Amino acid sequence: MAALAAATLTLGPDASSFSDLGSAQLATGQPRQALANHEQALHRYREVHDRAGEATALNNIGAVHGKLGDRQQALDFYQQALPIQREVGNRAGEAATLNNIGLAYDGLGDLPQALAYYGQALSITREVGDRAGEAATLANIGAVHDGLGDRQQALAYFQKALSITREVGDRAGEASALVNIGAVHDALGDRQQALAYYRQALSITREVGDRAGEATTLNNIGLVCDNLGDRQQALTYYRQALRIRREVGDRAGEAVTRFNIAMIYRAERNLDGAVGELEIVIDLDRQVGHLDLESDTAMLELVQQERVRARRAT
């Protein structure tokens, strides 16, 4: 992808060049640079009144904000893109935008709204024969059911998504589906089955260069190790995930992994380490508008109290 990022510079300063460069930069962990180039693309598409290009640029800008954890900002851009996709009759683009809006609502905690948008997207992907898009939408619907606690329903959607990704040769989508299935097995208490799915996913994310997916998978393997009582192994996986999440600019993911590290420090009575991690978590939560801000703040206060008591006892 780095070669693509370099090569697109020679194509000239037209909108598509900025768009291609931005997409390459996002894929290689440069979200800030990607944002600047997608904004340039948007400006140029508007200059030449290219409505289809404008919708694509708005979607791309939304995706960068989503990657950075700014879900409300992402939603704003997706909602600007949607009426344009409908205006120009781009049904596949409309489905992708509906999916993106669903993802944003999911991240903001509005699961019924997310499900409504995913349902619209699913109908269109099937109508236009977009099998990869159908798989992604099924996975998103599965994630909502998982969030609602309906594990078996979630598993059914994830298995359908996995089948389609394999059918169409979508390796990145396959890895994502494997992670989702692993997470359900973990939630159901089947740790070894979860690990088996995660390890398949980890191999694929590395094969296709999906750094964000690799970090998610490493974080999830860490969770399983933690649940199995192997804290040191869990810490090793969390630290690998943290390094990648910082590298790709995933602040929301960084907050999650740092919280996991803090909980291991707390369990091992390294309360200074736990407090230090939780302070960073809360700062990241505030930056991205994370839904866990309140509960993370409560955990910090609890660990601070535990530290005070521990110091008094010595």
C-alpha atoms as a PDB file:
ATOM      1  CA  MET A   1       0.000   0.000   0.000  1.00  0.00           C
ATOM      2  CA  ALA A   2       2.934   2.339   0.588  1.00  0.00           C
ATOM      3  CA  ALA A   3       3.809   1.974  -3.091  1.00  0.00           C
ATOM      4  CA  LEU A   4       0.269   2.991  -4.003  1.00  0.00           C
ATOM      5  CA  ALA A   5       0.525   6.011  -1.726  1.00  0.00           C
ATOM      6  CA  ALA A   6       3.673   7.098  -3.547  1.00  0.00           C
ATOM      7  CA  ALA A   7       2.437   6.235  -7.022  1.00  0.00           C
ATOM      8  CA  THR A   8      -0.756   8.248  -6.841  1.00  0.00           C
ATOM      9  CA  LEU A   9       1.255  11.430  -6.415  1.00  0.00           C
ATOM     10  CA  THR A  10       2.334  11.203 -10.045  1.00  0.00           C
ATOM     11  CA  LEU A  11      -1.235  11.170 -11.365  1.00  0.00           C
ATOM     12  CA  GLY A  12      -1.762  14.910 -11.025  1.00  0.00           C
ATOM     13  CA  PRO A  13      -3.782  16.997  -8.604  1.00  0.00           C
ATOM     14  CA  ASP A  14      -7.250  15.883  -9.686  1.00  0.00           C
ATOM     15  CA  ALA A  15      -9.941  14.785  -7.240  1.00  0.00           C
ATOM     16  CA  SER A  16      -9.511  11.049  -7.820  1.00  0.00           C
ATOM     17  CA  SER A  17      -5.767  11.287  -7.118  1.00  0.00           C
ATOM     18  CA  PHE A  18      -6.417  12.897  -3.746  1.00  0.00           C
ATOM     19  CA  SER A  19      -9.102  10.288  -3.050  1.00  0.00           C
ATOM     20  CA  ASP A  20      -6.830   7.354  -3.940  1.00  0.00           C
ATOM     21  CA  LEU A  21      -3.998   8.768  -1.867  1.00  0.00           C
ATOM     22  CA  GLY A  22      -6.297   9.326   1.105  1.00  0.00           C
ATOM     23  CA  SER A  23      -7.587   5.751   0.930  1.00  0.00           C
ATOM     24  CA  ALA A  24      -4.035   4.396   0.738  1.00  0.00           C
ATOM     25  CA  GLN A  25      -2.989   6.510   3.710  1.00  0.00           C
ATOM     26  CA  LEU A  26      -5.941   5.354   5.811  1.00  0.00           C
ATOM     27  CA  ALA A  27      -5.110   1.727   4.990  1.00  0.00           C
ATOM     28  CA  THR A  28      -1.482   2.255   6.035  1.00  0.00           C
ATOM     29  CA  GLY A  29      -2.267   3.920   9.358  1.00  0.00           C
ATOM     30  CA  GLN A  30      -2.069   7.615   8.431  1.00  0.00           C
ATOM     31  CA  PRO A  31      -5.588   8.893   9.243  1.00  0.00           C
ATOM     32  CA  ARG A  32      -4.678  12.575   9.636  1.00  0.00           C
ATOM     33  CA  GLN A  33      -2.983  12.708   6.245  1.00  0.00           C
ATOM     34  CA  ALA A  34      -5.889  10.714   4.768  1.00  0.00           C
ATOM     35  CA  LEU A  35      -8.363  13.265   6.094  1.00  0.00           C
ATOM     36  CA  ALA A  36      -6.504  16.144   4.461  1.00  0.00           C
ATOM     37  CA  ASN A  37      -6.473  14.403   1.073  1.00  0.00           C
ATOM     38  CA  HIS A  38     -10.130  13.369   1.207  1.00  0.00           C
ATOM     39  CA  GLU A  39     -11.033  16.974   2.065  1.00  0.00           C
ATOM     40  CA  GLN A  40      -9.037  18.116  -0.978  1.00  0.00           C
ATOM     41  CA  ALA A  41     -10.911  15.572  -3.107  1.00  0.00           C
ATOM     42  CA  LEU A  42     -14.251  16.858  -1.779  1.00  0.00           C
ATOM     43  CA  HIS A  43     -13.299  20.439  -2.647  1.00  0.00           C
ATOM     44  CA  ARG A  44     -12.333  19.483  -6.200  1.00  0.00           C
ATOM     45  CA  TYR A  45     -15.403  17.315  -6.811  1.00  0.00           C
ATOM     46  CA  ARG A  46     -17.571  20.255  -5.752  1.00  0.00           C
ATOM     47  CA  GLU A  47     -15.622  22.619  -8.021  1.00  0.00           C
ATOM     48  CA  VAL A  48     -16.526  20.532 -11.077  1.00  0.00           C
ATOM     49  CA  HIS A  49     -20.059  19.700  -9.821  1.00  0.00           C
ATOM     50  CA  ASP A  50     -19.337  15.948  -9.730  1.00  0.00           C
ATOM     51  CA  ARG A  51     -22.143  14.818  -7.407  1.00  0.00           C
ATOM     52  CA  ALA A  52     -21.186  11.124  -7.430  1.00  0.00           C
ATOM     53  CA  GLY A  53     -17.605  12.017  -6.554  1.00  0.00           C
ATOM     54  CA  GLU A  54     -18.820  14.384  -3.857  1.00  0.00           C
ATOM     55  CA  ALA A  55     -20.810  11.571  -2.222  1.00  0.00           C
ATOM     56  CA  THR A  56     -17.779   9.275  -2.323  1.00  0.00           C
ATOM     57  CA  ALA A  57     -15.578  11.949  -0.741  1.00  0.00           C
ATOM     58  CA  LEU A  58     -18.135  12.618   2.013  1.00  0.00           C
ATOM     59  CA  ASN A  59     -18.265   8.886   2.744  1.00  0.00           C
ATOM     60  CA  ASN A  60     -14.473   8.690   2.839  1.00  0.00           C
ATOM     61  CA  ILE A  61     -14.221  11.646   5.229  1.00  0.00           C
ATOM     62  CA  GLY A  62     -16.834  10.005   7.435  1.00  0.00           C
ATOM     63  CA  ALA A  63     -14.833   6.776   7.407  1.00  0.00           C
ATOM     64  CA  VAL A  64     -11.701   8.571   8.615  1.00  0.00           C
ATOM     65  CA  HIS A  65     -13.608  10.209  11.460  1.00  0.00           C
ATOM     66  CA  GLY A  66     -15.062   6.802  12.312  1.00  0.00           C
ATOM     67  CA  LYS A  67     -11.570   5.274  12.347  1.00  0.00           C
ATOM     68  CA  LEU A  68     -10.465   8.041  14.713  1.00  0.00           C
ATOM     69  CA  GLY A  69     -13.428   7.290  16.981  1.00  0.00           C
ATOM     70  CA  ASP A  70     -15.320  10.523  16.197  1.00  0.00           C
ATOM     71  CA  ARG A  71     -18.641   8.767  15.564  1.00  0.00           C
ATOM     72  CA  GLN A  72     -20.900  11.820  15.632  1.00  0.00           C
ATOM     73  CA  GLN A  73     -18.670  13.588  13.135  1.00  0.00           C
ATOM     74  CA  ALA A  74     -18.652  10.461  10.968  1.00  0.00           C
ATOM     75  CA  LEU A  75     -22.454  10.334  11.101  1.00  0.00           C
ATOM     76  CA  ASP A  76     -22.717  13.959   9.965  1.00  0.00           C
ATOM     77  CA  PHE A  77     -20.687  13.254   6.821  1.00  0.00           C
ATOM     78  CA  TYR A  78     -22.513  10.002   6.023  1.00  0.00           C
ATOM     79  CA  GLN A  79     -25.868  11.767   6.291  1.00  0.00           C
ATOM     80  CA  GLN A  80     -24.653  14.385   3.809  1.00  0.00           C
ATOM     81  CA  ALA A  81     -23.602  11.608   1.410  1.00  0.00           C
ATOM     82  CA  LEU A  82     -26.862   9.618   1.551  1.00  0.00           C
ATOM     83  CA  PRO A  83     -29.222  12.008  -0.316  1.00  0.00           C
ATOM     84  CA  ILE A  84     -26.580  12.527  -3.005  1.00  0.00           C
ATOM     85  CA  GLN A  85     -26.221   8.761  -3.542  1.00  0.00           C
ATOM     86  CA  ARG A  86     -30.009   8.608  -3.997  1.00  0.00           C
ATOM     87  CA  GLU A  87     -30.013  11.657  -6.278  1.00  0.00           C
ATOM     88  CA  VAL A  88     -27.464  10.118  -8.671  1.00  0.00           C
ATOM     89  CA  GLY A  89     -29.054   6.653  -8.495  1.00  0.00           C
ATOM     90  CA  ASN A  90     -25.995   4.894  -7.084  1.00  0.00           C
ATOM     91  CA  ARG A  91     -27.706   1.946  -5.369  1.00  0.00           C
ATOM     92  CA  ALA A  92     -24.479   0.227  -4.287  1.00  0.00           C
ATOM     93  CA  GLY A  93     -23.190   3.526  -2.911  1.00  0.00           C
ATOM     94  CA  GLU A  94     -26.501   4.084  -1.146  1.00  0.00           C
ATOM     95  CA  ALA A  95     -26.217   0.667   0.522  1.00  0.00           C
ATOM     96  CA  ALA A  96     -22.644   1.371   1.617  1.00  0.00           C
ATOM     97  CA  THR A  97     -23.684   4.724   3.072  1.00  0.00           C
ATOM     98  CA  LEU A  98     -26.667   3.190   4.892  1.00  0.00           C
ATOM     99  CA  ASN A  99     -24.269   0.630   6.354  1.00  0.00           C
ATOM    100  CA  ASN A 100     -21.912   3.379   7.459  1.00  0.00           C
ATOM    101  CA  ILE A 101     -24.745   5.298   9.122  1.00  0.00           C
ATOM    102  CA  GLY A 102     -25.726   2.097  10.909  1.00  0.00           C
ATOM    103  CA  LEU A 103     -22.155   1.650  12.130  1.00  0.00           C
ATOM    104  CA  ALA A 104     -22.094   5.201  13.467  1.00  0.00           C
ATOM    105  CA  TYR A 105     -25.372   4.722  15.345  1.00  0.00           C
ATOM    106  CA  ASP A 106     -24.087   1.394  16.676  1.00  0.00           C
ATOM    107  CA  GLY A 107     -20.967   3.145  17.974  1.00  0.00           C
ATOM    108  CA  LEU A 108     -23.133   5.835  19.569  1.00  0.00           C
ATOM    109  CA  GLY A 109     -25.167   3.160  21.360  1.00  0.00           C
ATOM    110  CA  ASP A 110     -28.411   3.580  19.386  1.00  0.00           C
ATOM    111  CA  LEU A 111     -28.865  -0.082  18.440  1.00  0.00           C
ATOM    112  CA  PRO A 112     -32.481   0.090  17.165  1.00  0.00           C
ATOM    113  CA  GLN A 113     -31.538   2.921  14.798  1.00  0.00           C
ATOM    114  CA  ALA A 114     -28.460   0.990  13.663  1.00  0.00           C
ATOM    115  CA  LEU A 115     -30.596  -2.073  12.945  1.00  0.00           C
ATOM    116  CA  ALA A 116     -33.058   0.001  10.893  1.00  0.00           C
ATOM    117  CA  TYR A 117     -30.279   1.334   8.626  1.00  0.00           C
ATOM    118  CA  TYR A 118     -28.648  -2.084   8.293  1.00  0.00           C
ATOM    119  CA  GLY A 119     -31.996  -3.542   7.230  1.00  0.00           C
ATOM    120  CA  GLN A 120     -32.282  -0.983   4.423  1.00  0.00           C
ATOM    121  CA  ALA A 121     -28.694  -1.680   3.348  1.00  0.00           C
ATOM    122  CA  LEU A 122     -29.254  -5.448   3.312  1.00  0.00           C
ATOM    123  CA  SER A 123     -32.253  -5.137   0.971  1.00  0.00           C
ATOM    124  CA  ILE A 124     -30.249  -3.070  -1.510  1.00  0.00           C
ATOM    125  CA  THR A 125     -27.129  -5.287  -1.460  1.00  0.00           C
ATOM    126  CA  ARG A 126     -29.329  -8.268  -2.322  1.00  0.00           C
ATOM    127  CA  GLU A 127     -31.191  -6.293  -4.990  1.00  0.00           C
ATOM    128  CA  VAL A 128     -27.961  -5.300  -6.788  1.00  0.00           C
ATOM    129  CA  GLY A 129     -26.178  -8.624  -6.197  1.00  0.00           C
ATOM    130  CA  ASP A 130     -23.410  -7.147  -4.047  1.00  0.00           C
ATOM    131  CA  ARG A 131     -22.366 -10.302  -2.183  1.00  0.00           C
ATOM    132  CA  ALA A 132     -19.445  -8.711  -0.328  1.00  0.00           C
ATOM    133  CA  GLY A 133     -21.697  -5.853   0.769  1.00  0.00           C
ATOM    134  CA  GLU A 134     -24.349  -8.356   1.843  1.00  0.00           C
ATOM    135  CA  ALA A 135     -21.794 -10.189   3.994  1.00  0.00           C
ATOM    136  CA  ALA A 136     -20.639  -6.958   5.636  1.00  0.00           C
ATOM    137  CA  THR A 137     -24.240  -5.986   6.381  1.00  0.00           C
ATOM    138  CA  LEU A 138     -25.074  -9.402   7.830  1.00  0.00           C
ATOM    139  CA  ALA A 139     -22.041  -9.084  10.091  1.00  0.00           C
ATOM    140  CA  ASN A 140     -23.180  -5.653  11.227  1.00  0.00           C
ATOM    141  CA  ILE A 141     -26.669  -6.960  12.011  1.00  0.00           C
ATOM    142  CA  GLY A 142     -25.072  -9.816  13.930  1.00  0.00           C
ATOM    143  CA  ALA A 143     -23.062  -7.320  15.976  1.00  0.00           C
ATOM    144  CA  VAL A 144     -26.253  -5.510  17.004  1.00  0.00           C
ATOM    145  CA  HIS A 145     -27.867  -8.768  18.138  1.00  0.00           C
ATOM    146  CA  ASP A 146     -24.673  -9.547  20.049  1.00  0.00           C
ATOM    147  CA  GLY A 147     -24.878  -6.137  21.719  1.00  0.00           C
ATOM    148  CA  LEU A 148     -28.483  -6.890  22.659  1.00  0.00           C
ATOM    149  CA  GLY A 149     -27.375 -10.167  24.270  1.00  0.00           C
ATOM    150  CA  ASP A 150     -28.931 -12.479  21.659  1.00  0.00           C
ATOM    151  CA  ARG A 151     -25.817 -14.609  21.102  1.00  0.00           C
ATOM    152  CA  GLN A 152     -27.390 -17.391  19.040  1.00  0.00           C
ATOM    153  CA  GLN A 153     -29.011 -14.926  16.644  1.00  0.00           C
ATOM    154  CA  ALA A 154     -25.693 -13.091  16.368  1.00  0.00           C
ATOM    155  CA  LEU A 155     -23.874 -16.344  15.645  1.00  0.00           C
ATOM    156  CA  ALA A 156     -26.327 -17.192  12.858  1.00  0.00           C
ATOM    157  CA  TYR A 157     -25.692 -13.845  11.126  1.00  0.00           C
ATOM    158  CA  PHE A 158     -21.917 -14.123  11.556  1.00  0.00           C
ATOM    159  CA  GLN A 159     -21.901 -17.654  10.102  1.00  0.00           C
ATOM    160  CA  LYS A 160     -23.874 -16.437   7.052  1.00  0.00           C
ATOM    161  CA  ALA A 161     -21.369 -13.596   6.619  1.00  0.00           C
ATOM    162  CA  LEU A 162     -18.431 -16.014   6.892  1.00  0.00           C
ATOM    163  CA  SER A 163     -19.908 -18.294   4.239  1.00  0.00           C
ATOM    164  CA  ILE A 164     -20.344 -15.420   1.767  1.00  0.00           C
ATOM    165  CA  THR A 165     -16.877 -13.925   2.360  1.00  0.00           C
ATOM    166  CA  ARG A 166     -15.334 -17.303   1.589  1.00  0.00           C
ATOM    167  CA  GLU A 167     -17.552 -17.701  -1.478  1.00  0.00           C
ATOM    168  CA  VAL A 168     -16.401 -14.357  -2.950  1.00  0.00           C
ATOM    169  CA  GLY A 169     -12.783 -14.581  -1.760  1.00  0.00           C
ATOM    170  CA  ASP A 170     -13.001 -11.566   0.558  1.00  0.00           C
ATOM    171  CA  ARG A 171     -10.118 -12.383   2.915  1.00  0.00           C
ATOM    172  CA  ALA A 172     -10.424  -9.238   5.041  1.00  0.00           C
ATOM    173  CA  GLY A 173     -14.158  -9.840   5.420  1.00  0.00           C
ATOM    174  CA  GLU A 174     -13.477 -13.472   6.302  1.00  0.00           C
ATOM    175  CA  ALA A 175     -11.104 -12.408   9.079  1.00  0.00           C
ATOM    176  CA  SER A 176     -13.676  -9.992  10.451  1.00  0.00           C
ATOM    177  CA  ALA A 177     -16.351 -12.712  10.474  1.00  0.00           C
ATOM    178  CA  LEU A 178     -13.987 -15.111  12.252  1.00  0.00           C
ATOM    179  CA  VAL A 179     -13.302 -12.490  14.934  1.00  0.00           C
ATOM    180  CA  ASN A 180     -17.027 -11.946  15.415  1.00  0.00           C
ATOM    181  CA  ILE A 181     -17.689 -15.681  15.753  1.00  0.00           C
ATOM    182  CA  GLY A 182     -14.796 -15.995  18.184  1.00  0.00           C
ATOM    183  CA  ALA A 183     -16.197 -13.181  20.314  1.00  0.00           C
ATOM    184  CA  VAL A 184     -19.574 -14.913  20.592  1.00  0.00           C
ATOM    185  CA  HIS A 185     -17.933 -18.181  21.652  1.00  0.00           C
ATOM    186  CA  ASP A 186     -15.911 -16.256  24.240  1.00  0.00           C
ATOM    187  CA  ALA A 187     -19.092 -14.630  25.583  1.00  0.00           C
ATOM    188  CA  LEU A 188     -20.693 -18.091  25.779  1.00  0.00           C
ATOM    189  CA  GLY A 189     -17.725 -19.323  27.845  1.00  0.00           C
ATOM    190  CA  ASP A 190     -16.193 -21.536  25.137  1.00  0.00           C
ATOM    191  CA  ARG A 191     -12.690 -20.079  25.394  1.00  0.00           C
ATOM    192  CA  GLN A 192     -10.816 -22.689  23.356  1.00  0.00           C
ATOM    193  CA  GLN A 193     -13.263 -22.399  20.470  1.00  0.00           C
ATOM    194  CA  ALA A 194     -12.895 -18.615  20.642  1.00  0.00           C
ATOM    195  CA  LEU A 195      -9.100 -18.907  20.485  1.00  0.00           C
ATOM    196  CA  ALA A 196      -9.321 -21.194  17.461  1.00  0.00           C
ATOM    197  CA  TYR A 197     -11.383 -18.628  15.531  1.00  0.00           C
ATOM    198  CA  TYR A 198      -9.201 -15.719  16.641  1.00  0.00           C
ATOM    199  CA  ARG A 199      -6.014 -17.479  15.533  1.00  0.00           C
ATOM    200  CA  GLN A 200      -7.475 -18.108  12.085  1.00  0.00           C
ATOM    201  CA  ALA A 201      -8.413 -14.424  11.907  1.00  0.00           C
ATOM    202  CA  LEU A 202      -4.981 -13.254  13.082  1.00  0.00           C
ATOM    203  CA  SER A 203      -3.266 -15.191  10.317  1.00  0.00           C
ATOM    204  CA  ILE A 204      -5.524 -13.633   7.671  1.00  0.00           C
ATOM    205  CA  THR A 205      -5.247 -10.044   8.970  1.00  0.00           C
ATOM    206  CA  ARG A 206      -1.462 -10.341   8.745  1.00  0.00           C
ATOM    207  CA  GLU A 207      -1.675 -11.917   5.292  1.00  0.00           C
ATOM    208  CA  VAL A 208      -3.771  -9.035   3.898  1.00  0.00           C
ATOM    209  CA  GLY A 209      -2.036  -6.258   5.875  1.00  0.00           C
ATOM    210  CA  ASP A 210      -5.136  -5.278   7.860  1.00  0.00           C
ATOM    211  CA  ARG A 211      -3.418  -3.572  10.796  1.00  0.00           C
ATOM    212  CA  ALA A 212      -6.611  -2.416  12.495  1.00  0.00           C
ATOM    213  CA  GLY A 213      -8.082  -5.916  12.224  1.00  0.00           C
ATOM    214  CA  GLU A 214      -4.851  -7.410  13.529  1.00  0.00           C
ATOM    215  CA  ALA A 215      -5.011  -5.141  16.585  1.00  0.00           C
ATOM    216  CA  THR A 216      -8.636  -6.082  17.296  1.00  0.00           C
ATOM    217  CA  THR A 217      -7.779  -9.773  17.053  1.00  0.00           C
ATOM    218  CA  LEU A 218      -4.721  -9.452  19.312  1.00  0.00           C
ATOM    219  CA  ASN A 219      -6.821  -7.566  21.862  1.00  0.00           C
ATOM    220  CA  ASN A 220      -9.460 -10.304  21.774  1.00  0.00           C
ATOM    221  CA  ILE A 221      -6.886 -13.082  22.172  1.00  0.00           C
ATOM    222  CA  GLY A 222      -5.593 -11.159  25.181  1.00  0.00           C
ATOM    223  CA  LEU A 223      -9.097 -11.131  26.658  1.00  0.00           C
ATOM    224  CA  VAL A 224      -9.376 -14.910  26.326  1.00  0.00           C
ATOM    225  CA  CYS A 225      -5.961 -15.452  27.925  1.00  0.00           C
ATOM    226  CA  ASP A 226      -7.011 -13.099  30.726  1.00  0.00           C
ATOM    227  CA  ASN A 227     -10.251 -15.046  31.249  1.00  0.00           C
ATOM    228  CA  LEU A 228      -8.233 -18.282  31.349  1.00  0.00           C
ATOM    229  CA  GLY A 229      -6.105 -16.789  34.146  1.00  0.00           C
ATOM    230  CA  ASP A 230      -2.904 -16.326  32.116  1.00  0.00           C
ATOM    231  CA  ARG A 231      -2.360 -12.636  32.834  1.00  0.00           C
ATOM    232  CA  GLN A 232       1.195 -12.418  31.525  1.00  0.00           C
ATOM    233  CA  GLN A 233       0.220 -13.927  28.187  1.00  0.00           C
ATOM    234  CA  ALA A 234      -2.773 -11.583  28.068  1.00  0.00           C
ATOM    235  CA  LEU A 235      -0.506  -8.609  28.742  1.00  0.00           C
ATOM    236  CA  THR A 236       1.778  -9.654  25.882  1.00  0.00           C
ATOM    237  CA  TYR A 237      -1.151  -9.676  23.443  1.00  0.00           C
ATOM    238  CA  TYR A 238      -2.583  -6.411  24.784  1.00  0.00           C
ATOM    239  CA  ARG A 239       0.765  -4.662  24.340  1.00  0.00           C
ATOM    240  CA  GLN A 240       1.014  -5.857  20.743  1.00  0.00           C
ATOM    241  CA  ALA A 241      -2.528  -4.585  20.109  1.00  0.00           C
ATOM    242  CA  LEU A 242      -1.771  -1.262  21.808  1.00  0.00           C
ATOM    243  CA  ARG A 243       1.306  -0.653  19.680  1.00  0.00           C
ATOM    244  CA  ILE A 244      -0.677  -1.158  16.468  1.00  0.00           C
ATOM    245  CA  ARG A 245      -3.670   0.895  17.614  1.00  0.00           C
ATOM    246  CA  ARG A 246      -1.396   3.829  18.413  1.00  0.00           C
ATOM    247  CA  GLU A 247       0.382   3.356  15.086  1.00  0.00           C
ATOM    248  CA  VAL A 248      -2.866   3.521  13.071  1.00  0.00           C
ATOM    249  CA  GLY A 249      -4.395   6.328  15.161  1.00  0.00           C
ATOM    250  CA  ASP A 250      -7.294   4.278  16.577  1.00  0.00           C
ATOM    251  CA  ARG A 251      -7.938   6.243  19.772  1.00  0.00           C
ATOM    252  CA  ALA A 252     -11.181   4.443  20.633  1.00  0.00           C
ATOM    253  CA  GLY A 253      -9.437   1.080  20.289  1.00  0.00           C
ATOM    254  CA  GLU A 254      -6.446   2.362  22.240  1.00  0.00           C
ATOM    255  CA  ALA A 255      -8.763   3.278  25.125  1.00  0.00           C
ATOM    256  CA  VAL A 256     -10.226  -0.252  25.163  1.00  0.00           C
ATOM    257  CA  THR A 257      -6.823  -1.947  25.177  1.00  0.00           C
ATOM    258  CA  ARG A 258      -5.387   0.389  27.817  1.00  0.00           C
ATOM    259  CA  PHE A 259      -8.411  -0.356  30.028  1.00  0.00           C
ATOM    260  CA  ASN A 260      -7.692  -4.083  29.665  1.00  0.00           C
ATOM    261  CA  ILE A 261      -4.058  -3.506  30.639  1.00  0.00           C
ATOM    262  CA  ALA A 262      -5.170  -1.435  33.634  1.00  0.00           C
ATOM    263  CA  MET A 263      -7.370  -4.294  34.848  1.00  0.00           C
ATOM    264  CA  ILE A 264      -4.421  -6.691  34.776  1.00  0.00           C
ATOM    265  CA  TYR A 265      -2.295  -4.193  36.713  1.00  0.00           C
ATOM    266  CA  ARG A 266      -5.106  -3.868  39.238  1.00  0.00           C
ATOM    267  CA  ALA A 267      -5.417  -7.650  39.630  1.00  0.00           C
ATOM    268  CA  GLU A 268      -1.659  -7.829  40.243  1.00  0.00           C
ATOM    269  CA  ARG A 269      -1.880  -4.944  42.771  1.00  0.00           C
ATOM    270  CA  ASN A 270       0.196  -2.641  40.569  1.00  0.00           C
ATOM    271  CA  LEU A 271      -2.188   0.171  41.448  1.00  0.00           C
ATOM    272  CA  ASP A 272       0.112   2.975  40.270  1.00  0.00           C
ATOM    273  CA  GLY A 273       0.267   1.328  36.843  1.00  0.00           C
ATOM    274  CA  ALA A 274      -3.501   0.847  36.785  1.00  0.00           C
ATOM    275  CA  VAL A 275      -4.176   4.487  37.704  1.00  0.00           C
ATOM    276  CA  GLY A 276      -1.729   5.692  35.051  1.00  0.00           C
ATOM    277  CA  GLU A 277      -3.422   3.653  32.321  1.00  0.00           C
ATOM    278  CA  LEU A 278      -6.932   4.657  33.406  1.00  0.00           C
ATOM    279  CA  GLU A 279      -6.019   8.352  33.350  1.00  0.00           C
ATOM    280  CA  ILE A 280      -4.965   7.948  29.713  1.00  0.00           C
ATOM    281  CA  VAL A 281      -8.156   5.959  29.000  1.00  0.00           C
ATOM    282  CA  ILE A 282     -10.353   8.784  30.293  1.00  0.00           C
ATOM    283  CA  ASP A 283      -8.460  11.367  28.254  1.00  0.00           C
ATOM    284  CA  LEU A 284      -8.972   9.228  25.127  1.00  0.00           C
ATOM    285  CA  ASP A 285     -12.653   8.688  26.010  1.00  0.00           C
ATOM    286  CA  ARG A 286     -13.148  12.458  26.126  1.00  0.00           C
ATOM    287  CA  GLN A 287     -11.356  12.968  22.810  1.00  0.00           C
ATOM    288  CA  VAL A 288     -13.577  10.516  20.928  1.00  0.00           C
ATOM    289  CA  GLY A 289     -16.845  10.819  22.877  1.00  0.00           C
ATOM    290  CA  HIS A 290     -16.594   7.216  24.092  1.00  0.00           C
ATOM    291  CA  LEU A 291     -19.710   5.716  25.668  1.00  0.00           C
ATOM    292  CA  ASP A 292     -17.608   4.197  28.468  1.00  0.00           C
ATOM    293  CA  LEU A 293     -16.424   7.564  29.831  1.00  0.00           C
ATOM    294  CA  GLU A 294     -18.702   7.448  32.872  1.00  0.00           C
ATOM    295  CA  SER A 295     -17.924   3.833  33.804  1.00  0.00           C
ATOM    296  CA  ASP A 296     -14.197   4.293  33.146  1.00  0.00           C
ATOM    297  CA  THR A 297     -14.173   7.382  35.384  1.00  0.00           C
ATOM    298  CA  ALA A 298     -15.903   5.388  38.128  1.00  0.00           C
ATOM    299  CA  MET A 299     -13.273   2.649  37.777  1.00  0.00           C
ATOM    300  CA  LEU A 300     -10.448   5.202  38.060  1.00  0.00           C
ATOM    301  CA  GLU A 301     -11.964   6.592  41.258  1.00  0.00           C
ATOM    302  CA  LEU A 302     -12.314   3.059  42.666  1.00  0.00           C
ATOM    303  CA  VAL A 303      -8.694   2.143  41.897  1.00  0.00           C
ATOM    304  CA  GLN A 304      -7.481   5.460  43.343  1.00  0.00           C
ATOM    305  CA  GLN A 305      -9.342   4.631  46.582  1.00  0.00           C
ATOM    306  CA  GLU A 306      -7.796   1.155  46.594  1.00  0.00           C
ATOM    307  CA  ARG A 307      -4.358   2.734  46.193  1.00  0.00           C
ATOM    308  CA  VAL A 308      -4.954   5.088  49.139  1.00  0.00           C
ATOM    309  CA  ARG A 309      -5.995   2.153  51.343  1.00  0.00           C
ATOM    310  CA  ALA A 310      -2.993   0.090  50.219  1.00  0.00           C
ATOM    311  CA  ARG A 311      -0.591   2.922  51.070  1.00  0.00           C
ATOM    312  CA  ARG A 312      -2.148   3.345  54.508  1.00  0.00           C
ATOM    313  CA  ALA A 313      -1.726  -0.359  55.182  1.00  0.00           C
ATOM    314  CA  THR A 314       2.027  -0.255  54.532  1.00  0.00           C
END
